[in-house]
Amino acid sequence: MKKIVFLFSLILSVTIGFGQKSFHDFVVKDIEGGDFDLSTLKGKKVLVVNTASKCGNTPQYEGLQKLYNEYGGDDFVIIGFPANNFGKQEPGTNDEIAEFCERNYGVTFPMMSKISVKGEDMSPVYQWLTEKKNNGVLDSEVKWNFQKYMIDENGHLVDFVSPKTQPYDEKILNWIKSDS
């Protein structure tokens, strides 16, 4: 009987694990309106950032781009998700956002189409990032523009840092450099 209970428990835990979505299960729209399959990022650490062009944190684009220039490539990528959820600080269209980022900060890391990161119309990828029942790790709330989420090479949420945390913060650098 003990063997049957153990076997049932093992099957149940494996089944539950397979039911958990990963970051790589999502397809989002890039800033030009094309599909961006996040499964193409398997094997890379991903820093996900909700961005805005008219925010006190907007100068973080410079640090994010510098971080991307230094560490981006086969092992690490940054993805920006423009959002207008806080103080209407991202009022532009996708074209205007792309032009702003390129002109003012030379952004070359992937930018996605503008989404909502909270509320009734929250993007499914942000529902996954912020709800433990979806990501299996933790609950969080996007507090403001430039909150950063860390995703490991297997598409699992690792942690997040607050909007005020700068791109070159020790926690982010240690995570990028770690052998996770």
N, C-alpha and C. Protein backbone atom coordinates (compact mmCIF):
# COMPACT_ATOMS: atom_id res chain seq x y z
N MET A 1 0.82 -1.20 0.00
CA MET A 1 0.00 0.00 0.00
C MET A 1 0.87 1.27 0.00
N LYS A 2 1.96 1.24 0.78
CA LYS A 2 2.85 2.40 0.83
C LYS A 2 3.45 2.69 -0.54
N LYS A 3 3.79 1.62 -1.28
CA LYS A 3 4.35 1.81 -2.61
C LYS A 3 3.34 2.46 -3.55
N ILE A 4 2.08 2.08 -3.43
CA ILE A 4 1.03 2.66 -4.28
C ILE A 4 0.84 4.14 -3.96
N VAL A 5 0.81 4.48 -2.68
CA VAL A 5 0.66 5.88 -2.27
C VAL A 5 1.86 6.69 -2.76
N PHE A 6 3.07 6.16 -2.60
CA PHE A 6 4.26 6.85 -3.06
C PHE A 6 4.22 7.06 -4.57
N LEU A 7 3.87 6.00 -5.30
CA LEU A 7 3.79 6.09 -6.75
C LEU A 7 2.76 7.13 -7.18
N PHE A 8 1.61 7.12 -6.55
CA PHE A 8 0.56 8.11 -6.85
C PHE A 8 1.07 9.52 -6.56
N SER A 9 1.74 9.72 -5.45
CA SER A 9 2.29 11.04 -5.10
C SER A 9 3.32 11.50 -6.13
N LEU A 10 4.16 10.57 -6.56
CA LEU A 10 5.17 10.90 -7.56
C LEU A 10 4.52 11.30 -8.88
N ILE A 11 3.55 10.53 -9.33
CA ILE A 11 2.84 10.84 -10.58
C ILE A 11 2.14 12.19 -10.47
N LEU A 12 1.51 12.46 -9.35
CA LEU A 12 0.81 13.73 -9.13
C LEU A 12 1.78 14.90 -9.17
N SER A 13 2.92 14.78 -8.50
CA SER A 13 3.88 15.90 -8.48
C SER A 13 4.46 16.15 -9.87
N VAL A 14 4.74 15.09 -10.63
CA VAL A 14 5.25 15.26 -11.99
C VAL A 14 4.19 15.91 -12.87
N THR A 15 2.94 15.47 -12.74
CA THR A 15 1.84 16.02 -13.53
C THR A 15 1.65 17.50 -13.22
N ILE A 16 1.69 17.86 -11.96
CA ILE A 16 1.53 19.27 -11.58
C ILE A 16 2.68 20.08 -12.16
N GLY A 17 3.90 19.57 -12.08
CA GLY A 17 5.06 20.27 -12.63
C GLY A 17 4.93 20.51 -14.12
N PHE A 18 4.41 19.53 -14.86
CA PHE A 18 4.24 19.69 -16.29
C PHE A 18 3.16 20.72 -16.62
N GLY A 19 2.22 20.92 -15.71
CA GLY A 19 1.15 21.88 -15.95
C GLY A 19 1.58 23.32 -15.78
N GLN A 20 2.72 23.55 -15.15
CA GLN A 20 3.21 24.90 -14.89
C GLN A 20 3.77 25.50 -16.17
N LYS A 21 3.26 26.66 -16.54
CA LYS A 21 3.80 27.37 -17.71
C LYS A 21 5.15 27.97 -17.38
N SER A 22 5.93 28.18 -18.40
CA SER A 22 7.19 28.91 -18.25
C SER A 22 7.10 30.18 -19.09
N PHE A 23 8.05 31.05 -18.89
CA PHE A 23 8.15 32.28 -19.67
C PHE A 23 8.22 31.96 -21.16
N HIS A 24 8.84 30.84 -21.48
CA HIS A 24 9.04 30.44 -22.88
C HIS A 24 7.76 29.99 -23.57
N ASP A 25 6.67 29.84 -22.83
CA ASP A 25 5.40 29.40 -23.42
C ASP A 25 4.59 30.54 -24.04
N PHE A 26 5.08 31.77 -23.92
CA PHE A 26 4.32 32.92 -24.40
C PHE A 26 4.83 33.41 -25.76
N VAL A 27 3.90 33.93 -26.52
CA VAL A 27 4.21 34.65 -27.76
C VAL A 27 3.62 36.04 -27.57
N VAL A 28 4.45 37.05 -27.73
CA VAL A 28 4.03 38.44 -27.56
C VAL A 28 4.24 39.18 -28.88
N LYS A 29 3.82 40.40 -28.93
CA LYS A 29 4.03 41.24 -30.12
C LYS A 29 5.24 42.13 -29.89
N ASP A 30 6.13 42.19 -30.88
CA ASP A 30 7.24 43.12 -30.77
C ASP A 30 6.76 44.52 -31.12
N ILE A 31 7.62 45.49 -30.98
CA ILE A 31 7.23 46.88 -31.14
C ILE A 31 6.79 47.21 -32.57
N GLU A 32 7.16 46.36 -33.51
CA GLU A 32 6.74 46.54 -34.90
C GLU A 32 5.47 45.77 -35.23
N GLY A 33 4.90 45.06 -34.22
CA GLY A 33 3.65 44.34 -34.41
C GLY A 33 3.80 42.89 -34.83
N GLY A 34 5.02 42.41 -34.95
CA GLY A 34 5.25 41.01 -35.31
C GLY A 34 5.22 40.11 -34.10
N ASP A 35 5.03 38.82 -34.34
CA ASP A 35 5.07 37.86 -33.24
C ASP A 35 6.50 37.68 -32.75
N PHE A 36 6.64 37.63 -31.43
CA PHE A 36 7.93 37.37 -30.79
C PHE A 36 7.72 36.18 -29.87
N ASP A 37 8.21 35.03 -30.29
CA ASP A 37 8.05 33.79 -29.54
C ASP A 37 9.14 33.74 -28.46
N LEU A 38 8.71 33.81 -27.21
CA LEU A 38 9.68 33.84 -26.11
C LEU A 38 10.45 32.52 -25.98
N SER A 39 9.98 31.46 -26.65
CA SER A 39 10.73 30.20 -26.62
C SER A 39 12.07 30.34 -27.36
N THR A 40 12.20 31.36 -28.19
CA THR A 40 13.48 31.59 -28.88
C THR A 40 14.56 32.04 -27.90
N LEU A 41 14.17 32.33 -26.67
CA LEU A 41 15.12 32.79 -25.66
C LEU A 41 15.59 31.66 -24.74
N LYS A 42 15.19 30.42 -25.04
CA LYS A 42 15.64 29.29 -24.23
C LYS A 42 17.16 29.28 -24.19
N GLY A 43 17.71 29.05 -22.99
CA GLY A 43 19.15 29.04 -22.82
C GLY A 43 19.74 30.39 -22.45
N LYS A 44 18.91 31.43 -22.42
CA LYS A 44 19.37 32.77 -22.06
C LYS A 44 18.70 33.23 -20.77
N LYS A 45 19.42 33.99 -19.99
CA LYS A 45 18.80 34.72 -18.89
C LYS A 45 18.12 35.93 -19.50
N VAL A 46 16.94 36.28 -18.98
CA VAL A 46 16.17 37.39 -19.54
C VAL A 46 15.82 38.36 -18.43
N LEU A 47 16.11 39.63 -18.64
CA LEU A 47 15.68 40.69 -17.74
C LEU A 47 14.50 41.38 -18.41
N VAL A 48 13.33 41.27 -17.80
CA VAL A 48 12.10 41.85 -18.33
C VAL A 48 11.84 43.15 -17.59
N VAL A 49 11.62 44.24 -18.36
CA VAL A 49 11.45 45.56 -17.78
C VAL A 49 10.24 46.25 -18.39
N ASN A 50 9.34 46.76 -17.54
CA ASN A 50 8.25 47.59 -18.06
C ASN A 50 8.77 49.02 -18.14
N THR A 51 8.65 49.63 -19.30
CA THR A 51 9.31 50.91 -19.57
C THR A 51 8.29 52.02 -19.83
N ALA A 52 8.78 53.25 -19.77
CA ALA A 52 7.97 54.44 -20.08
C ALA A 52 8.91 55.57 -20.48
N SER A 53 8.46 56.39 -21.41
CA SER A 53 9.30 57.45 -21.99
C SER A 53 9.27 58.77 -21.23
N LYS A 54 8.28 58.97 -20.39
CA LYS A 54 8.13 60.25 -19.70
C LYS A 54 8.10 60.07 -18.19
N CYS A 55 9.05 59.32 -17.68
CA CYS A 55 9.10 58.94 -16.27
C CYS A 55 10.43 59.40 -15.67
N GLY A 56 10.44 59.61 -14.38
CA GLY A 56 11.69 59.94 -13.71
C GLY A 56 12.72 58.82 -13.84
N ASN A 57 12.25 57.60 -14.08
CA ASN A 57 13.16 56.46 -14.24
C ASN A 57 13.60 56.25 -15.69
N THR A 58 13.07 57.03 -16.62
CA THR A 58 13.38 56.84 -18.04
C THR A 58 14.89 56.83 -18.33
N PRO A 59 15.71 57.64 -17.64
CA PRO A 59 17.15 57.56 -17.90
C PRO A 59 17.76 56.18 -17.66
N GLN A 60 17.01 55.27 -17.03
CA GLN A 60 17.52 53.90 -16.87
C GLN A 60 17.71 53.21 -18.22
N TYR A 61 17.05 53.70 -19.27
CA TYR A 61 17.29 53.14 -20.60
C TYR A 61 18.79 53.13 -20.91
N GLU A 62 19.48 54.19 -20.51
CA GLU A 62 20.92 54.28 -20.78
C GLU A 62 21.67 53.14 -20.10
N GLY A 63 21.38 52.90 -18.82
CA GLY A 63 22.03 51.81 -18.09
C GLY A 63 21.63 50.44 -18.62
N LEU A 64 20.36 50.30 -19.00
CA LEU A 64 19.91 49.03 -19.58
C LEU A 64 20.64 48.74 -20.88
N GLN A 65 20.79 49.76 -21.72
CA GLN A 65 21.49 49.57 -22.99
C GLN A 65 22.96 49.23 -22.75
N LYS A 66 23.58 49.90 -21.79
CA LYS A 66 24.97 49.62 -21.45
C LYS A 66 25.11 48.17 -20.96
N LEU A 67 24.18 47.73 -20.10
CA LEU A 67 24.16 46.36 -19.60
C LEU A 67 24.01 45.37 -20.75
N TYR A 68 23.11 45.69 -21.67
CA TYR A 68 22.89 44.84 -22.84
C TYR A 68 24.13 44.79 -23.73
N ASN A 69 24.78 45.93 -23.92
CA ASN A 69 26.01 45.97 -24.72
C ASN A 69 27.10 45.11 -24.10
N GLU A 70 27.17 45.13 -22.77
CA GLU A 70 28.23 44.41 -22.08
C GLU A 70 27.95 42.91 -21.95
N TYR A 71 26.72 42.54 -21.64
CA TYR A 71 26.42 41.14 -21.34
C TYR A 71 25.48 40.46 -22.34
N GLY A 72 24.81 41.24 -23.18
CA GLY A 72 23.85 40.66 -24.11
C GLY A 72 24.51 39.78 -25.15
N GLY A 73 23.77 38.79 -25.59
CA GLY A 73 24.31 37.87 -26.59
C GLY A 73 23.71 36.50 -26.42
N ASP A 74 24.57 35.48 -26.43
CA ASP A 74 24.09 34.10 -26.35
C ASP A 74 23.53 33.73 -24.99
N ASP A 75 23.94 34.43 -23.92
CA ASP A 75 23.56 34.02 -22.57
C ASP A 75 22.60 34.97 -21.86
N PHE A 76 22.40 36.19 -22.39
CA PHE A 76 21.61 37.19 -21.68
C PHE A 76 20.94 38.14 -22.66
N VAL A 77 19.70 38.52 -22.33
CA VAL A 77 18.97 39.49 -23.13
C VAL A 77 18.08 40.33 -22.21
N ILE A 78 17.80 41.53 -22.64
CA ILE A 78 16.84 42.41 -21.96
C ILE A 78 15.65 42.56 -22.89
N ILE A 79 14.46 42.54 -22.32
CA ILE A 79 13.25 42.78 -23.11
C ILE A 79 12.47 43.91 -22.45
N GLY A 80 12.17 44.95 -23.22
CA GLY A 80 11.38 46.07 -22.72
C GLY A 80 9.92 45.94 -23.13
N PHE A 81 9.04 46.15 -22.17
CA PHE A 81 7.60 46.17 -22.41
C PHE A 81 7.07 47.56 -22.05
N PRO A 82 6.91 48.45 -23.03
CA PRO A 82 6.34 49.77 -22.72
C PRO A 82 4.93 49.61 -22.15
N ALA A 83 4.63 50.44 -21.15
CA ALA A 83 3.30 50.39 -20.51
C ALA A 83 2.92 51.79 -20.06
N ASN A 84 1.64 52.07 -20.13
CA ASN A 84 1.12 53.40 -19.78
C ASN A 84 0.31 53.36 -18.49
N ASN A 85 0.66 52.44 -17.58
CA ASN A 85 -0.13 52.21 -16.37
C ASN A 85 0.14 53.20 -15.24
N PHE A 86 1.23 53.90 -15.28
CA PHE A 86 1.62 54.73 -14.14
C PHE A 86 1.76 56.18 -14.58
N GLY A 87 0.84 57.02 -14.15
CA GLY A 87 0.90 58.44 -14.44
C GLY A 87 0.83 58.77 -15.91
N LYS A 88 0.31 57.86 -16.72
CA LYS A 88 0.20 58.07 -18.17
C LYS A 88 1.54 58.52 -18.75
N GLN A 89 2.62 57.85 -18.29
CA GLN A 89 3.97 58.24 -18.67
C GLN A 89 4.49 57.56 -19.94
N GLU A 90 3.62 56.76 -20.58
CA GLU A 90 3.98 56.19 -21.88
C GLU A 90 2.79 56.36 -22.82
N PRO A 91 2.52 57.63 -23.23
CA PRO A 91 1.34 57.90 -24.05
C PRO A 91 1.53 57.59 -25.53
N GLY A 92 2.76 57.40 -25.97
CA GLY A 92 3.04 57.28 -27.40
C GLY A 92 2.57 55.99 -28.04
N THR A 93 2.58 56.00 -29.36
CA THR A 93 2.32 54.79 -30.15
C THR A 93 3.59 53.95 -30.16
N ASN A 94 3.48 52.72 -30.64
CA ASN A 94 4.67 51.87 -30.73
C ASN A 94 5.75 52.52 -31.59
N ASP A 95 5.36 53.13 -32.71
CA ASP A 95 6.34 53.80 -33.57
C ASP A 95 7.03 54.95 -32.84
N GLU A 96 6.25 55.75 -32.11
CA GLU A 96 6.83 56.88 -31.36
C GLU A 96 7.76 56.38 -30.26
N ILE A 97 7.38 55.30 -29.59
CA ILE A 97 8.21 54.73 -28.52
C ILE A 97 9.53 54.23 -29.10
N ALA A 98 9.46 53.49 -30.21
CA ALA A 98 10.66 52.96 -30.84
C ALA A 98 11.60 54.09 -31.26
N GLU A 99 11.03 55.13 -31.86
CA GLU A 99 11.85 56.27 -32.28
C GLU A 99 12.49 56.96 -31.09
N PHE A 100 11.72 57.17 -30.01
CA PHE A 100 12.23 57.80 -28.80
C PHE A 100 13.40 57.00 -28.23
N CYS A 101 13.23 55.70 -28.11
CA CYS A 101 14.26 54.84 -27.51
C CYS A 101 15.54 54.84 -28.33
N GLU A 102 15.39 54.77 -29.64
CA GLU A 102 16.56 54.74 -30.51
C GLU A 102 17.26 56.11 -30.52
N ARG A 103 16.48 57.17 -30.69
CA ARG A 103 17.04 58.52 -30.80
C ARG A 103 17.71 58.97 -29.50
N ASN A 104 17.07 58.74 -28.37
CA ASN A 104 17.57 59.28 -27.10
C ASN A 104 18.52 58.36 -26.35
N TYR A 105 18.39 57.06 -26.55
CA TYR A 105 19.19 56.13 -25.75
C TYR A 105 19.89 55.05 -26.57
N GLY A 106 19.71 55.07 -27.88
CA GLY A 106 20.36 54.08 -28.74
C GLY A 106 19.96 52.65 -28.41
N VAL A 107 18.72 52.45 -27.98
CA VAL A 107 18.25 51.13 -27.55
C VAL A 107 18.30 50.13 -28.71
N THR A 108 18.99 49.02 -28.48
CA THR A 108 19.04 47.93 -29.46
C THR A 108 18.49 46.63 -28.88
N PHE A 109 18.23 46.59 -27.56
CA PHE A 109 17.64 45.36 -27.01
C PHE A 109 16.18 45.28 -27.46
N PRO A 110 15.62 44.08 -27.51
CA PRO A 110 14.25 43.91 -28.03
C PRO A 110 13.21 44.69 -27.23
N MET A 111 12.42 45.46 -27.95
CA MET A 111 11.29 46.18 -27.36
C MET A 111 10.01 45.55 -27.91
N MET A 112 9.06 45.38 -27.03
CA MET A 112 7.79 44.78 -27.40
C MET A 112 6.73 45.87 -27.59
N SER A 113 5.57 45.48 -28.09
CA SER A 113 4.45 46.41 -28.22
C SER A 113 3.97 46.84 -26.84
N LYS A 114 3.40 48.02 -26.80
CA LYS A 114 2.89 48.56 -25.54
C LYS A 114 1.79 47.65 -25.00
N ILE A 115 1.87 47.38 -23.70
CA ILE A 115 0.91 46.50 -23.02
C ILE A 115 0.46 47.13 -21.72
N SER A 116 -0.38 46.42 -21.00
CA SER A 116 -0.75 46.79 -19.64
C SER A 116 -0.08 45.81 -18.68
N VAL A 117 0.52 46.35 -17.61
CA VAL A 117 1.23 45.50 -16.65
C VAL A 117 0.49 45.36 -15.32
N LYS A 118 -0.73 45.90 -15.26
CA LYS A 118 -1.56 45.73 -14.06
C LYS A 118 -3.02 45.98 -14.44
N GLY A 119 -3.91 45.61 -13.54
CA GLY A 119 -5.33 45.88 -13.75
C GLY A 119 -6.05 44.81 -14.56
N GLU A 120 -7.29 45.14 -14.91
CA GLU A 120 -8.17 44.21 -15.63
C GLU A 120 -7.61 43.77 -16.98
N ASP A 121 -6.86 44.66 -17.63
CA ASP A 121 -6.34 44.36 -18.96
C ASP A 121 -4.86 43.96 -18.95
N MET A 122 -4.39 43.45 -17.80
CA MET A 122 -3.00 43.04 -17.66
C MET A 122 -2.65 41.98 -18.71
N SER A 123 -1.51 42.16 -19.33
CA SER A 123 -1.00 41.22 -20.33
C SER A 123 -0.80 39.84 -19.69
N PRO A 124 -1.09 38.78 -20.45
CA PRO A 124 -0.88 37.42 -19.91
C PRO A 124 0.55 37.17 -19.42
N VAL A 125 1.55 37.72 -20.09
CA VAL A 125 2.93 37.50 -19.64
C VAL A 125 3.15 38.17 -18.28
N TYR A 126 2.52 39.30 -18.03
CA TYR A 126 2.65 39.95 -16.73
C TYR A 126 1.78 39.26 -15.67
N GLN A 127 0.70 38.64 -16.07
CA GLN A 127 -0.05 37.80 -15.12
C GLN A 127 0.85 36.67 -14.65
N TRP A 128 1.60 36.09 -15.58
CA TRP A 128 2.54 35.02 -15.22
C TRP A 128 3.65 35.56 -14.30
N LEU A 129 4.21 36.71 -14.65
CA LEU A 129 5.31 37.27 -13.86
C LEU A 129 4.90 37.61 -12.43
N THR A 130 3.66 38.04 -12.23
CA THR A 130 3.25 38.59 -10.93
C THR A 130 2.41 37.65 -10.05
N GLU A 131 2.04 36.49 -10.56
CA GLU A 131 1.16 35.60 -9.79
C GLU A 131 1.82 34.24 -9.55
N LYS A 132 2.04 33.92 -8.27
CA LYS A 132 2.67 32.66 -7.90
C LYS A 132 1.91 31.46 -8.47
N LYS A 133 0.59 31.55 -8.52
CA LYS A 133 -0.19 30.42 -9.05
C LYS A 133 0.17 30.14 -10.52
N ASN A 134 0.72 31.13 -11.20
CA ASN A 134 1.13 30.97 -12.60
C ASN A 134 2.63 30.67 -12.75
N ASN A 135 3.47 31.37 -11.97
CA ASN A 135 4.91 31.23 -12.13
C ASN A 135 5.54 30.22 -11.17
N GLY A 136 4.79 29.82 -10.14
CA GLY A 136 5.28 28.82 -9.19
C GLY A 136 6.32 29.30 -8.21
N VAL A 137 6.64 30.62 -8.22
CA VAL A 137 7.72 31.12 -7.37
C VAL A 137 7.24 32.17 -6.37
N LEU A 138 6.64 33.24 -6.87
CA LEU A 138 6.25 34.32 -5.96
C LEU A 138 5.16 35.20 -6.56
N ASP A 139 4.46 35.87 -5.66
CA ASP A 139 3.51 36.91 -6.03
C ASP A 139 4.24 38.24 -5.95
N SER A 140 3.91 39.15 -6.85
CA SER A 140 4.47 40.50 -6.81
C SER A 140 3.47 41.44 -7.44
N GLU A 141 3.71 42.69 -7.26
CA GLU A 141 2.88 43.72 -7.88
C GLU A 141 3.82 44.69 -8.57
N VAL A 142 3.53 45.03 -9.80
CA VAL A 142 4.36 46.02 -10.48
C VAL A 142 4.04 47.37 -9.84
N LYS A 143 5.05 47.95 -9.20
CA LYS A 143 4.85 49.17 -8.42
C LYS A 143 4.95 50.44 -9.25
N TRP A 144 5.77 50.40 -10.32
CA TRP A 144 5.98 51.60 -11.14
C TRP A 144 6.75 51.19 -12.39
N ASN A 145 7.03 52.14 -13.24
CA ASN A 145 7.81 51.91 -14.45
C ASN A 145 9.24 51.48 -14.09
N PHE A 146 9.78 50.57 -14.88
CA PHE A 146 11.14 50.07 -14.78
C PHE A 146 11.35 49.05 -13.65
N GLN A 147 10.28 48.34 -13.27
CA GLN A 147 10.46 47.18 -12.40
C GLN A 147 11.08 46.09 -13.25
N LYS A 148 11.99 45.32 -12.66
CA LYS A 148 12.76 44.35 -13.43
C LYS A 148 12.55 42.94 -12.90
N TYR A 149 12.22 42.02 -13.82
CA TYR A 149 12.03 40.61 -13.48
C TYR A 149 13.15 39.79 -14.10
N MET A 150 13.68 38.85 -13.33
CA MET A 150 14.78 38.00 -13.76
C MET A 150 14.25 36.61 -14.07
N ILE A 151 14.50 36.16 -15.29
CA ILE A 151 14.06 34.86 -15.78
C ILE A 151 15.30 34.02 -16.09
N ASP A 152 15.32 32.77 -15.63
CA ASP A 152 16.50 31.94 -15.89
C ASP A 152 16.47 31.32 -17.29
N GLU A 153 17.50 30.58 -17.59
CA GLU A 153 17.67 29.99 -18.93
C GLU A 153 16.57 29.01 -19.30
N ASN A 154 15.87 28.48 -18.30
CA ASN A 154 14.80 27.51 -18.54
C ASN A 154 13.42 28.15 -18.54
N GLY A 155 13.37 29.47 -18.46
CA GLY A 155 12.09 30.17 -18.50
C GLY A 155 11.39 30.26 -17.17
N HIS A 156 12.13 30.06 -16.07
CA HIS A 156 11.54 30.15 -14.74
C HIS A 156 11.84 31.51 -14.11
N LEU A 157 10.85 32.03 -13.42
CA LEU A 157 11.06 33.28 -12.69
C LEU A 157 12.04 33.04 -11.56
N VAL A 158 13.01 33.93 -11.44
CA VAL A 158 14.01 33.83 -10.37
C VAL A 158 13.67 34.83 -9.27
N ASP A 159 13.46 36.09 -9.65
CA ASP A 159 13.22 37.16 -8.68
C ASP A 159 12.88 38.43 -9.44
N PHE A 160 12.69 39.50 -8.70
CA PHE A 160 12.48 40.81 -9.31
C PHE A 160 13.13 41.86 -8.43
N VAL A 161 13.33 43.05 -9.00
CA VAL A 161 13.84 44.19 -8.25
C VAL A 161 12.95 45.39 -8.52
N SER A 162 12.97 46.32 -7.60
CA SER A 162 12.08 47.48 -7.65
C SER A 162 12.43 48.42 -8.81
N PRO A 163 11.48 49.27 -9.17
CA PRO A 163 11.72 50.23 -10.26
C PRO A 163 12.92 51.14 -10.04
N LYS A 164 13.21 51.50 -8.81
CA LYS A 164 14.34 52.40 -8.52
C LYS A 164 15.68 51.70 -8.62
N THR A 165 15.69 50.36 -8.60
CA THR A 165 16.94 49.62 -8.69
C THR A 165 17.55 49.85 -10.06
N GLN A 166 18.78 50.32 -10.05
CA GLN A 166 19.48 50.64 -11.29
C GLN A 166 19.94 49.36 -12.00
N PRO A 167 20.07 49.41 -13.33
CA PRO A 167 20.47 48.22 -14.09
C PRO A 167 21.79 47.60 -13.63
N TYR A 168 22.73 48.41 -13.14
CA TYR A 168 24.01 47.88 -12.70
C TYR A 168 24.05 47.56 -11.21
N ASP A 169 22.90 47.34 -10.62
CA ASP A 169 22.82 46.96 -9.22
C ASP A 169 23.52 45.61 -9.02
N GLU A 170 24.14 45.44 -7.87
CA GLU A 170 24.88 44.23 -7.56
C GLU A 170 24.01 42.97 -7.68
N LYS A 171 22.76 43.05 -7.27
CA LYS A 171 21.88 41.88 -7.34
C LYS A 171 21.69 41.43 -8.79
N ILE A 172 21.49 42.38 -9.69
CA ILE A 172 21.31 42.05 -11.11
C ILE A 172 22.61 41.51 -11.70
N LEU A 173 23.72 42.18 -11.42
CA LEU A 173 25.02 41.73 -11.96
C LEU A 173 25.38 40.34 -11.46
N ASN A 174 25.18 40.10 -10.16
CA ASN A 174 25.50 38.77 -9.61
C ASN A 174 24.64 37.69 -10.27
N TRP A 175 23.37 38.00 -10.52
CA TRP A 175 22.48 37.04 -11.18
C TRP A 175 22.95 36.77 -12.61
N ILE A 176 23.30 37.81 -13.36
CA ILE A 176 23.76 37.63 -14.74
C ILE A 176 25.01 36.77 -14.78
N LYS A 177 25.92 37.01 -13.86
CA LYS A 177 27.22 36.32 -13.86
C LYS A 177 27.17 34.92 -13.24
N SER A 178 26.10 34.60 -12.52
CA SER A 178 26.02 33.30 -11.84
C SER A 178 25.82 32.16 -12.83
N ASP A 179 26.18 30.98 -12.39
CA ASP A 179 26.00 29.76 -13.18
C ASP A 179 24.70 29.08 -12.76
N SER A 180 23.57 29.72 -13.00
CA SER A 180 22.31 29.13 -12.52
C SER A 180 21.80 28.04 -13.36
